Amino acid sequence: LGPRINAAGRLADMTLGIECLLTDDAGRADELARMLDGINRERR
């Protein structure tokens, strides 16, 4: 989990990570988590 959130701050905008942690909408959370996962793959 940590590297996926950190990836947003390294390569994009940490707002993505914070919004993922703030939303109570499961669908929105899944969308943001998939984005963070993609950014983390790019980081790797």
ModelCIF file with pLDDT and N, C-alpha, C, O atoms, coordinates in Angstrom:
data_MODEL
#
_entry.id   MODEL 
#
_entity.id                         1 
_entity.type                       polymer 
_entity.pdbx_number_of_molecules   1 
#
_entity_poly.entity_id                      1 
_entity_poly.type                           'polypeptide(L)' 
_entity_poly.nstd_linkage                   no 
_entity_poly.nstd_monomer                   no 
_entity_poly.pdbx_seq_one_letter_code       LGPRINAAGRLADMTLGIECLLTDDAGRADELARMLDGINRERR 
_entity_poly.pdbx_seq_one_letter_code_can   LGPRINAAGRLADMTLGIECLLTDDAGRADELARMLDGINRERR 
_entity_poly.pdbx_strand_id                 A 
#
loop_
_entity_poly_seq.entity_id 
_entity_poly_seq.num 
_entity_poly_seq.mon_id 
_entity_poly_seq.hetero 
1 1  LEU n 
1 2  GLY n 
1 3  PRO n 
1 4  ARG n 
1 5  ILE n 
1 6  ASN n 
1 7  ALA n 
1 8  ALA n 
1 9  GLY n 
1 10 ARG n 
1 11 LEU n 
1 12 ALA n 
1 13 ASP n 
1 14 MET n 
1 15 THR n 
1 16 LEU n 
1 17 GLY n 
1 18 ILE n 
1 19 GLU n 
1 20 CYS n 
1 21 LEU n 
1 22 LEU n 
1 23 THR n 
1 24 ASP n 
1 25 ASP n 
1 26 ALA n 
1 27 GLY n 
1 28 ARG n 
1 29 ALA n 
1 30 ASP n 
1 31 GLU n 
1 32 LEU n 
1 33 ALA n 
1 34 ARG n 
1 35 MET n 
1 36 LEU n 
1 37 ASP n 
1 38 GLY n 
1 39 ILE n 
1 40 ASN n 
1 41 ARG n 
1 42 GLU n 
1 43 ARG n 
1 44 ARG n 
#
_struct_asym.id          A 
_struct_asym.entity_id   1 
#
loop_
_ma_qa_metric.id 
_ma_qa_metric.mode 
_ma_qa_metric.name 
_ma_qa_metric.software_group_id 
_ma_qa_metric.type 
1 global pLDDT . pLDDT 
2 local  pLDDT . pLDDT 
#
_ma_qa_metric_global.metric_id      1 
_ma_qa_metric_global.metric_value   96.77 
_ma_qa_metric_global.model_id       1 
_ma_qa_metric_global.ordinal_id     1 
#
loop_
_ma_qa_metric_local.label_asym_id 
_ma_qa_metric_local.label_comp_id 
_ma_qa_metric_local.label_seq_id 
_ma_qa_metric_local.metric_id 
_ma_qa_metric_local.metric_value 
_ma_qa_metric_local.model_id 
_ma_qa_metric_local.ordinal_id 
A LEU 1  2 98.00 1 1  
A GLY 2  2 97.00 1 2  
A PRO 3  2 97.00 1 3  
A ARG 4  2 97.00 1 4  
A ILE 5  2 98.00 1 5  
A ASN 6  2 96.00 1 6  
A ALA 7  2 95.00 1 7  
A ALA 8  2 95.00 1 8  
A GLY 9  2 94.00 1 9  
A ARG 10 2 93.00 1 10 
A LEU 11 2 93.00 1 11 
A ALA 12 2 91.00 1 12 
A ASP 13 2 91.00 1 13 
A MET 14 2 95.00 1 14 
A THR 15 2 96.00 1 15 
A LEU 16 2 97.00 1 16 
A GLY 17 2 98.00 1 17 
A ILE 18 2 98.00 1 18 
A GLU 19 2 98.00 1 19 
A CYS 20 2 98.00 1 20 
A LEU 21 2 98.00 1 21 
A LEU 22 2 98.00 1 22 
A THR 23 2 98.00 1 23 
A ASP 24 2 98.00 1 24 
A ASP 25 2 98.00 1 25 
A ALA 26 2 98.00 1 26 
A GLY 27 2 98.00 1 27 
A ARG 28 2 98.00 1 28 
A ALA 29 2 98.00 1 29 
A ASP 30 2 98.00 1 30 
A GLU 31 2 98.00 1 31 
A LEU 32 2 98.00 1 32 
A ALA 33 2 98.00 1 33 
A ARG 34 2 98.00 1 34 
A MET 35 2 98.00 1 35 
A LEU 36 2 98.00 1 36 
A ASP 37 2 98.00 1 37 
A GLY 38 2 98.00 1 38 
A ILE 39 2 97.00 1 39 
A ASN 40 2 97.00 1 40 
A ARG 41 2 97.00 1 41 
A GLU 42 2 97.00 1 42 
A ARG 43 2 96.00 1 43 
A ARG 44 2 95.00 1 44 
#
loop_
_atom_site.group_PDB 
_atom_site.id 
_atom_site.type_symbol 
_atom_site.label_atom_id 
_atom_site.label_alt_id 
_atom_site.label_comp_id 
_atom_site.label_asym_id 
_atom_site.label_entity_id 
_atom_site.label_seq_id 
_atom_site.pdbx_PDB_ins_code 
_atom_site.Cartn_x 
_atom_site.Cartn_y 
_atom_site.Cartn_z 
_atom_site.occupancy 
_atom_site.B_iso_or_equiv 
_atom_site.pdbx_formal_charge 
_atom_site.auth_seq_id 
_atom_site.auth_comp_id 
_atom_site.auth_asym_id 
_atom_site.auth_atom_id 
_atom_site.pdbx_PDB_model_num 
ATOM 1   N N  . LEU A 1 1  ? 0.817   -1.212 0.000   1.00 98.00 ? 1  LEU A N  1 
ATOM 2   C CA . LEU A 1 1  ? 0.000   0.000  0.000   1.00 98.00 ? 1  LEU A CA 1 
ATOM 3   C C  . LEU A 1 1  ? 0.851   1.263  0.000   1.00 98.00 ? 1  LEU A C  1 
ATOM 4   O O  . LEU A 1 1  ? 0.617   2.173  -0.795  1.00 98.00 ? 1  LEU A O  1 
ATOM 5   N N  . GLY A 1 2  ? 1.833   1.319  0.886   1.00 97.00 ? 2  GLY A N  1 
ATOM 6   C CA . GLY A 1 2  ? 2.668   2.512  1.006   1.00 97.00 ? 2  GLY A CA 1 
ATOM 7   C C  . GLY A 1 2  ? 3.299   2.937  -0.309  1.00 97.00 ? 2  GLY A C  1 
ATOM 8   O O  . GLY A 1 2  ? 3.208   4.109  -0.672  1.00 97.00 ? 2  GLY A O  1 
ATOM 9   N N  . PRO A 1 3  ? 3.946   2.013  -1.046  1.00 97.00 ? 3  PRO A N  1 
ATOM 10  C CA . PRO A 1 3  ? 4.561   2.412  -2.319  1.00 97.00 ? 3  PRO A CA 1 
ATOM 11  C C  . PRO A 1 3  ? 3.560   2.951  -3.341  1.00 97.00 ? 3  PRO A C  1 
ATOM 12  O O  . PRO A 1 3  ? 3.903   3.827  -4.134  1.00 97.00 ? 3  PRO A O  1 
ATOM 13  N N  . ARG A 1 4  ? 2.334   2.440  -3.333  1.00 97.00 ? 4  ARG A N  1 
ATOM 14  C CA . ARG A 1 4  ? 1.335   2.931  -4.288  1.00 97.00 ? 4  ARG A CA 1 
ATOM 15  C C  . ARG A 1 4  ? 0.934   4.364  -3.975  1.00 97.00 ? 4  ARG A C  1 
ATOM 16  O O  . ARG A 1 4  ? 0.733   5.168  -4.885  1.00 97.00 ? 4  ARG A O  1 
ATOM 17  N N  . ILE A 1 5  ? 0.816   4.686  -2.691  1.00 98.00 ? 5  ILE A N  1 
ATOM 18  C CA . ILE A 1 5  ? 0.506   6.072  -2.327  1.00 98.00 ? 5  ILE A CA 1 
ATOM 19  C C  . ILE A 1 5  ? 1.716   6.962  -2.591  1.00 98.00 ? 5  ILE A C  1 
ATOM 20  O O  . ILE A 1 5  ? 1.573   8.059  -3.131  1.00 98.00 ? 5  ILE A O  1 
ATOM 21  N N  . ASN A 1 6  ? 2.893   6.502  -2.216  1.00 96.00 ? 6  ASN A N  1 
ATOM 22  C CA . ASN A 1 6  ? 4.106   7.295  -2.428  1.00 96.00 ? 6  ASN A CA 1 
ATOM 23  C C  . ASN A 1 6  ? 4.352   7.593  -3.901  1.00 96.00 ? 6  ASN A C  1 
ATOM 24  O O  . ASN A 1 6  ? 4.891   8.645  -4.244  1.00 96.00 ? 6  ASN A O  1 
ATOM 25  N N  . ALA A 1 7  ? 3.956   6.662  -4.778  1.00 95.00 ? 7  ALA A N  1 
ATOM 26  C CA . ALA A 1 7  ? 4.199   6.853  -6.209  1.00 95.00 ? 7  ALA A CA 1 
ATOM 27  C C  . ALA A 1 7  ? 3.532   8.118  -6.720  1.00 95.00 ? 7  ALA A C  1 
ATOM 28  O O  . ALA A 1 7  ? 4.064   8.783  -7.609  1.00 95.00 ? 7  ALA A O  1 
ATOM 29  N N  . ALA A 1 8  ? 2.366   8.460  -6.166  1.00 95.00 ? 8  ALA A N  1 
ATOM 30  C CA . ALA A 1 8  ? 1.669   9.677  -6.601  1.00 95.00 ? 8  ALA A CA 1 
ATOM 31  C C  . ALA A 1 8  ? 2.514   10.905 -6.318  1.00 95.00 ? 8  ALA A C  1 
ATOM 32  O O  . ALA A 1 8  ? 2.597   11.808 -7.150  1.00 95.00 ? 8  ALA A O  1 
ATOM 33  N N  . GLY A 1 9  ? 3.141   10.945 -5.150  1.00 94.00 ? 9  GLY A N  1 
ATOM 34  C CA . GLY A 1 9  ? 3.977   12.083 -4.809  1.00 94.00 ? 9  GLY A CA 1 
ATOM 35  C C  . GLY A 1 9  ? 5.283   12.123 -5.579  1.00 94.00 ? 9  GLY A C  1 
ATOM 36  O O  . GLY A 1 9  ? 5.880   13.186 -5.744  1.00 94.00 ? 9  GLY A O  1 
ATOM 37  N N  . ARG A 1 10 ? 5.732   10.955 -6.054  1.00 93.00 ? 10 ARG A N  1 
ATOM 38  C CA . ARG A 1 10 ? 6.997   10.901 -6.782  1.00 93.00 ? 10 ARG A CA 1 
ATOM 39  C C  . ARG A 1 10 ? 6.841   11.292 -8.250  1.00 93.00 ? 10 ARG A C  1 
ATOM 40  O O  . ARG A 1 10 ? 7.674   12.009 -8.802  1.00 93.00 ? 10 ARG A O  1 
ATOM 41  N N  . LEU A 1 11 ? 5.767   10.815 -8.872  1.00 93.00 ? 11 LEU A N  1 
ATOM 42  C CA . LEU A 1 11 ? 5.634   10.987 -10.318 1.00 93.00 ? 11 LEU A CA 1 
ATOM 43  C C  . LEU A 1 11 ? 4.458   11.863 -10.738 1.00 93.00 ? 11 LEU A C  1 
ATOM 44  O O  . LEU A 1 11 ? 4.444   12.367 -11.861 1.00 93.00 ? 11 LEU A O  1 
ATOM 45  N N  . ALA A 1 12 ? 3.471   12.055 -9.865  1.00 91.00 ? 12 ALA A N  1 
ATOM 46  C CA . ALA A 1 12 ? 2.264   12.781 -10.274 1.00 91.00 ? 12 ALA A CA 1 
ATOM 47  C C  . ALA A 1 12 ? 1.906   13.808 -9.209  1.00 91.00 ? 12 ALA A C  1 
ATOM 48  O O  . ALA A 1 12 ? 2.704   14.693 -8.899  1.00 91.00 ? 12 ALA A O  1 
ATOM 49  N N  . ASP A 1 13 ? 0.724   13.692 -8.660  1.00 91.00 ? 13 ASP A N  1 
ATOM 50  C CA . ASP A 1 13 ? 0.216   14.656 -7.681  1.00 91.00 ? 13 ASP A CA 1 
ATOM 51  C C  . ASP A 1 13 ? -0.327  13.880 -6.494  1.00 91.00 ? 13 ASP A C  1 
ATOM 52  O O  . ASP A 1 13 ? -1.207  13.036 -6.660  1.00 91.00 ? 13 ASP A O  1 
ATOM 53  N N  . MET A 1 14 ? 0.192   14.156 -5.277  1.00 95.00 ? 14 MET A N  1 
ATOM 54  C CA . MET A 1 14 ? -0.238  13.415 -4.102  1.00 95.00 ? 14 MET A CA 1 
ATOM 55  C C  . MET A 1 14 ? -1.719  13.629 -3.790  1.00 95.00 ? 14 MET A C  1 
ATOM 56  O O  . MET A 1 14 ? -2.291  12.900 -2.980  1.00 95.00 ? 14 MET A O  1 
ATOM 57  N N  . THR A 1 15 ? -2.337  14.614 -4.421  1.00 96.00 ? 15 THR A N  1 
ATOM 58  C CA . THR A 1 15 ? -3.780  14.781 -4.258  1.00 96.00 ? 15 THR A CA 1 
ATOM 59  C C  . THR A 1 15 ? -4.518  13.485 -4.592  1.00 96.00 ? 15 THR A C  1 
ATOM 60  O O  . THR A 1 15 ? -5.533  13.173 -3.969  1.00 96.00 ? 15 THR A O  1 
ATOM 61  N N  . LEU A 1 16 ? -4.016  12.729 -5.570  1.00 97.00 ? 16 LEU A N  1 
ATOM 62  C CA . LEU A 1 16 ? -4.640  11.447 -5.924  1.00 97.00 ? 16 LEU A CA 1 
ATOM 63  C C  . LEU A 1 16 ? -4.635  10.492 -4.730  1.00 97.00 ? 16 LEU A C  1 
ATOM 64  O O  . LEU A 1 16 ? -5.640  9.845  -4.437  1.00 97.00 ? 16 LEU A O  1 
ATOM 65  N N  . GLY A 1 17 ? -3.491  10.413 -4.046  1.00 98.00 ? 17 GLY A N  1 
ATOM 66  C CA . GLY A 1 17 ? -3.389  9.531  -2.891  1.00 98.00 ? 17 GLY A CA 1 
ATOM 67  C C  . GLY A 1 17 ? -4.285  9.980  -1.755  1.00 98.00 ? 17 GLY A C  1 
ATOM 68  O O  . GLY A 1 17 ? -4.945  9.159  -1.118  1.00 98.00 ? 17 GLY A O  1 
ATOM 69  N N  . ILE A 1 18 ? -4.312  11.283 -1.497  1.00 98.00 ? 18 ILE A N  1 
ATOM 70  C CA . ILE A 1 18 ? -5.129  11.798 -0.396  1.00 98.00 ? 18 ILE A CA 1 
ATOM 71  C C  . ILE A 1 18 ? -6.610  11.614 -0.696  1.00 98.00 ? 18 ILE A C  1 
ATOM 72  O O  . ILE A 1 18 ? -7.378  11.227 0.185   1.00 98.00 ? 18 ILE A O  1 
ATOM 73  N N  . GLU A 1 19 ? -7.018  11.888 -1.941  1.00 98.00 ? 19 GLU A N  1 
ATOM 74  C CA . GLU A 1 19 ? -8.425  11.705 -2.305  1.00 98.00 ? 19 GLU A CA 1 
ATOM 75  C C  . GLU A 1 19 ? -8.844  10.246 -2.167  1.00 98.00 ? 19 GLU A C  1 
ATOM 76  O O  . GLU A 1 19 ? -9.971  9.954  -1.765  1.00 98.00 ? 19 GLU A O  1 
ATOM 77  N N  . CYS A 1 20 ? -7.931  9.325  -2.501  1.00 98.00 ? 20 CYS A N  1 
ATOM 78  C CA . CYS A 1 20 ? -8.230  7.906  -2.333  1.00 98.00 ? 20 CYS A CA 1 
ATOM 79  C C  . CYS A 1 20 ? -8.503  7.576  -0.864  1.00 98.00 ? 20 CYS A C  1 
ATOM 80  O O  . CYS A 1 20 ? -9.389  6.779  -0.554  1.00 98.00 ? 20 CYS A O  1 
ATOM 81  N N  . LEU A 1 21 ? -7.745  8.188  0.026   1.00 98.00 ? 21 LEU A N  1 
ATOM 82  C CA . LEU A 1 21 ? -7.903  7.927  1.458   1.00 98.00 ? 21 LEU A CA 1 
ATOM 83  C C  . LEU A 1 21 ? -9.093  8.675  2.063   1.00 98.00 ? 21 LEU A C  1 
ATOM 84  O O  . LEU A 1 21 ? -9.566  8.320  3.143   1.00 98.00 ? 21 LEU A O  1 
ATOM 85  N N  . LEU A 1 22 ? -9.572  9.702  1.373   1.00 98.00 ? 22 LEU A N  1 
ATOM 86  C CA . LEU A 1 22 ? -10.678 10.511 1.913   1.00 98.00 ? 22 LEU A CA 1 
ATOM 87  C C  . LEU A 1 22 ? -12.055 10.056 1.439   1.00 98.00 ? 22 LEU A C  1 
ATOM 88  O O  . LEU A 1 22 ? -13.041 10.238 2.153   1.00 98.00 ? 22 LEU A O  1 
ATOM 89  N N  . THR A 1 23 ? -12.137 9.467  0.246   1.00 98.00 ? 23 THR A N  1 
ATOM 90  C CA . THR A 1 23 ? -13.454 9.156  -0.298  1.00 98.00 ? 23 THR A CA 1 
ATOM 91  C C  . THR A 1 23 ? -14.125 8.015  0.458   1.00 98.00 ? 23 THR A C  1 
ATOM 92  O O  . THR A 1 23 ? -13.469 7.082  0.921   1.00 98.00 ? 23 THR A O  1 
ATOM 93  N N  . ASP A 1 24 ? -15.434 8.110  0.571   1.00 98.00 ? 24 ASP A N  1 
ATOM 94  C CA . ASP A 1 24 ? -16.238 7.022  1.146   1.00 98.00 ? 24 ASP A CA 1 
ATOM 95  C C  . ASP A 1 24 ? -17.006 6.277  0.064   1.00 98.00 ? 24 ASP A C  1 
ATOM 96  O O  . ASP A 1 24 ? -17.783 5.368  0.356   1.00 98.00 ? 24 ASP A O  1 
ATOM 97  N N  . ASP A 1 25 ? -16.784 6.667  -1.184  1.00 98.00 ? 25 ASP A N  1 
ATOM 98  C CA . ASP A 1 25 ? -17.438 6.039  -2.324  1.00 98.00 ? 25 ASP A CA 1 
ATOM 99  C C  . ASP A 1 25 ? -16.553 4.897  -2.822  1.00 98.00 ? 25 ASP A C  1 
ATOM 100 O O  . ASP A 1 25 ? -15.446 5.138  -3.304  1.00 98.00 ? 25 ASP A O  1 
ATOM 101 N N  . ALA A 1 26 ? -17.034 3.653  -2.707  1.00 98.00 ? 26 ALA A N  1 
ATOM 102 C CA . ALA A 1 26 ? -16.220 2.493  -3.068  1.00 98.00 ? 26 ALA A CA 1 
ATOM 103 C C  . ALA A 1 26 ? -15.813 2.515  -4.533  1.00 98.00 ? 26 ALA A C  1 
ATOM 104 O O  . ALA A 1 26 ? -14.687 2.148  -4.869  1.00 98.00 ? 26 ALA A O  1 
ATOM 105 N N  . GLY A 1 27 ? -16.718 2.943  -5.410  1.00 98.00 ? 27 GLY A N  1 
ATOM 106 C CA . GLY A 1 27 ? -16.400 3.000  -6.831  1.00 98.00 ? 27 GLY A CA 1 
ATOM 107 C C  . GLY A 1 27 ? -15.306 4.007  -7.124  1.00 98.00 ? 27 GLY A C  1 
ATOM 108 O O  . GLY A 1 27 ? -14.380 3.726  -7.885  1.00 98.00 ? 27 GLY A O  1 
ATOM 109 N N  . ARG A 1 28 ? -15.415 5.193  -6.512  1.00 98.00 ? 28 ARG A N  1 
ATOM 110 C CA . ARG A 1 28 ? -14.390 6.220  -6.683  1.00 98.00 ? 28 ARG A CA 1 
ATOM 111 C C  . ARG A 1 28 ? -13.060 5.749  -6.097  1.00 98.00 ? 28 ARG A C  1 
ATOM 112 O O  . ARG A 1 28 ? -12.002 6.002  -6.673  1.00 98.00 ? 28 ARG A O  1 
ATOM 113 N N  . ALA A 1 29 ? -13.113 5.068  -4.958  1.00 98.00 ? 29 ALA A N  1 
ATOM 114 C CA . ALA A 1 29 ? -11.890 4.550  -4.335  1.00 98.00 ? 29 ALA A CA 1 
ATOM 115 C C  . ALA A 1 29 ? -11.202 3.543  -5.248  1.00 98.00 ? 29 ALA A C  1 
ATOM 116 O O  . ALA A 1 29 ? -9.980  3.571  -5.395  1.00 98.00 ? 29 ALA A O  1 
ATOM 117 N N  . ASP A 1 30 ? -11.986 2.648  -5.866  1.00 98.00 ? 30 ASP A N  1 
ATOM 118 C CA . ASP A 1 30 ? -11.405 1.665  -6.787  1.00 98.00 ? 30 ASP A CA 1 
ATOM 119 C C  . ASP A 1 30 ? -10.740 2.354  -7.973  1.00 98.00 ? 30 ASP A C  1 
ATOM 120 O O  . ASP A 1 30 ? -9.652  1.966  -8.398  1.00 98.00 ? 30 ASP A O  1 
ATOM 121 N N  . GLU A 1 31 ? -11.404 3.381  -8.503  1.00 98.00 ? 31 GLU A N  1 
ATOM 122 C CA . GLU A 1 31 ? -10.857 4.119  -9.642  1.00 98.00 ? 31 GLU A CA 1 
ATOM 123 C C  . GLU A 1 31 ? -9.518  4.769  -9.278  1.00 98.00 ? 31 GLU A C  1 
ATOM 124 O O  . GLU A 1 31 ? -8.549  4.679  -10.032 1.00 98.00 ? 31 GLU A O  1 
ATOM 125 N N  . LEU A 1 32 ? -9.478  5.421  -8.116  1.00 98.00 ? 32 LEU A N  1 
ATOM 126 C CA . LEU A 1 32 ? -8.246  6.087  -7.686  1.00 98.00 ? 32 LEU A CA 1 
ATOM 127 C C  . LEU A 1 32 ? -7.149  5.072  -7.367  1.00 98.00 ? 32 LEU A C  1 
ATOM 128 O O  . LEU A 1 32 ? -5.980  5.296  -7.681  1.00 98.00 ? 32 LEU A O  1 
ATOM 129 N N  . ALA A 1 33 ? -7.529  3.955  -6.743  1.00 98.00 ? 33 ALA A N  1 
ATOM 130 C CA . ALA A 1 33 ? -6.530  2.928  -6.416  1.00 98.00 ? 33 ALA A CA 1 
ATOM 131 C C  . ALA A 1 33 ? -5.927  2.342  -7.680  1.00 98.00 ? 33 ALA A C  1 
ATOM 132 O O  . ALA A 1 33 ? -4.729  2.061  -7.723  1.00 98.00 ? 33 ALA A O  1 
ATOM 133 N N  . ARG A 1 34 ? -6.746  2.154  -8.710  1.00 98.00 ? 34 ARG A N  1 
ATOM 134 C CA . ARG A 1 34 ? -6.212  1.650  -9.989  1.00 98.00 ? 34 ARG A CA 1 
ATOM 135 C C  . ARG A 1 34 ? -5.263  2.670  -10.613 1.00 98.00 ? 34 ARG A C  1 
ATOM 136 O O  . ARG A 1 34 ? -4.245  2.296  -11.197 1.00 98.00 ? 34 ARG A O  1 
ATOM 137 N N  . MET A 1 35 ? -5.592  3.957  -10.492 1.00 98.00 ? 35 MET A N  1 
ATOM 138 C CA . MET A 1 35 ? -4.690  4.995  -11.000 1.00 98.00 ? 35 MET A CA 1 
ATOM 139 C C  . MET A 1 35 ? -3.363  4.965  -10.252 1.00 98.00 ? 35 MET A C  1 
ATOM 140 O O  . MET A 1 35 ? -2.295  5.052  -10.859 1.00 98.00 ? 35 MET A O  1 
ATOM 141 N N  . LEU A 1 36 ? -3.440  4.843  -8.937  1.00 98.00 ? 36 LEU A N  1 
ATOM 142 C CA . LEU A 1 36 ? -2.220  4.793  -8.126  1.00 98.00 ? 36 LEU A CA 1 
ATOM 143 C C  . LEU A 1 36 ? -1.394  3.553  -8.462  1.00 98.00 ? 36 LEU A C  1 
ATOM 144 O O  . LEU A 1 36 ? -0.164  3.607  -8.484  1.00 98.00 ? 36 LEU A O  1 
ATOM 145 N N  . ASP A 1 37 ? -2.069  2.444  -8.720  1.00 98.00 ? 37 ASP A N  1 
ATOM 146 C CA . ASP A 1 37 ? -1.366  1.222  -9.091  1.00 98.00 ? 37 ASP A CA 1 
ATOM 147 C C  . ASP A 1 37 ? -0.637  1.414  -10.422 1.00 98.00 ? 37 ASP A C  1 
ATOM 148 O O  . ASP A 1 37 ? 0.492   0.953  -10.586 1.00 98.00 ? 37 ASP A O  1 
ATOM 149 N N  . GLY A 1 38 ? -1.283  2.095  -11.371 1.00 98.00 ? 38 GLY A N  1 
ATOM 150 C CA . GLY A 1 38 ? -0.648  2.367  -12.651 1.00 98.00 ? 38 GLY A CA 1 
ATOM 151 C C  . GLY A 1 38 ? 0.562   3.271  -12.509 1.00 98.00 ? 38 GLY A C  1 
ATOM 152 O O  . GLY A 1 38 ? 1.594   3.046  -13.141 1.00 98.00 ? 38 GLY A O  1 
ATOM 153 N N  . ILE A 1 39 ? 0.430   4.299  -11.673 1.00 97.00 ? 39 ILE A N  1 
ATOM 154 C CA . ILE A 1 39 ? 1.568   5.203  -11.434 1.00 97.00 ? 39 ILE A CA 1 
ATOM 155 C C  . ILE A 1 39 ? 2.712   4.445  -10.780 1.00 97.00 ? 39 ILE A C  1 
ATOM 156 O O  . ILE A 1 39 ? 3.880   4.688  -11.080 1.00 97.00 ? 39 ILE A O  1 
ATOM 157 N N  . ASN A 1 40 ? 2.368   3.517  -9.879  1.00 97.00 ? 40 ASN A N  1 
ATOM 158 C CA . ASN A 1 40 ? 3.413   2.739  -9.215  1.00 97.00 ? 40 ASN A CA 1 
ATOM 159 C C  . ASN A 1 40 ? 4.132   1.820  -10.196 1.00 97.00 ? 40 ASN A C  1 
ATOM 160 O O  . ASN A 1 40 ? 5.339   1.608  -10.080 1.00 97.00 ? 40 ASN A O  1 
ATOM 161 N N  . ARG A 1 41 ? 3.397   1.277  -11.157 1.00 97.00 ? 41 ARG A N  1 
ATOM 162 C CA . ARG A 1 41 ? 4.042   0.454  -12.185 1.00 97.00 ? 41 ARG A CA 1 
ATOM 163 C C  . ARG A 1 41 ? 5.020   1.310  -13.001 1.00 97.00 ? 41 ARG A C  1 
ATOM 164 O O  . ARG A 1 41 ? 6.128   0.879  -13.319 1.00 97.00 ? 41 ARG A O  1 
ATOM 165 N N  . GLU A 1 42 ? 4.585   2.522  -13.329 1.00 97.00 ? 42 GLU A N  1 
ATOM 166 C CA . GLU A 1 42 ? 5.471   3.438  -14.045 1.00 97.00 ? 42 GLU A CA 1 
ATOM 167 C C  . GLU A 1 42 ? 6.708   3.749  -13.207 1.00 97.00 ? 42 GLU A C  1 
ATOM 168 O O  . GLU A 1 42 ? 7.826   3.794  -13.718 1.00 97.00 ? 42 GLU A O  1 
ATOM 169 N N  . ARG A 1 43 ? 6.486   3.963  -11.907 1.00 96.00 ? 43 ARG A N  1 
ATOM 170 C CA . ARG A 1 43 ? 7.610   4.234  -11.008 1.00 96.00 ? 43 ARG A CA 1 
ATOM 171 C C  . ARG A 1 43 ? 8.593   3.074  -11.000 1.00 96.00 ? 43 ARG A C  1 
ATOM 172 O O  . ARG A 1 43 ? 9.805   3.291  -11.008 1.00 96.00 ? 43 ARG A O  1 
ATOM 173 N N  . ARG A 1 44 ? 8.084   1.841  -10.984 1.00 95.00 ? 44 ARG A N  1 
ATOM 174 C CA . ARG A 1 44 ? 8.971   0.679  -10.985 1.00 95.00 ? 44 ARG A CA 1 
ATOM 175 C C  . ARG A 1 44 ? 9.776   0.594  -12.268 1.00 95.00 ? 44 ARG A C  1 
ATOM 176 O O  . ARG A 1 44 ? 10.576  -0.327 -12.436 1.00 95.00 ? 44 ARG A O  1 
#
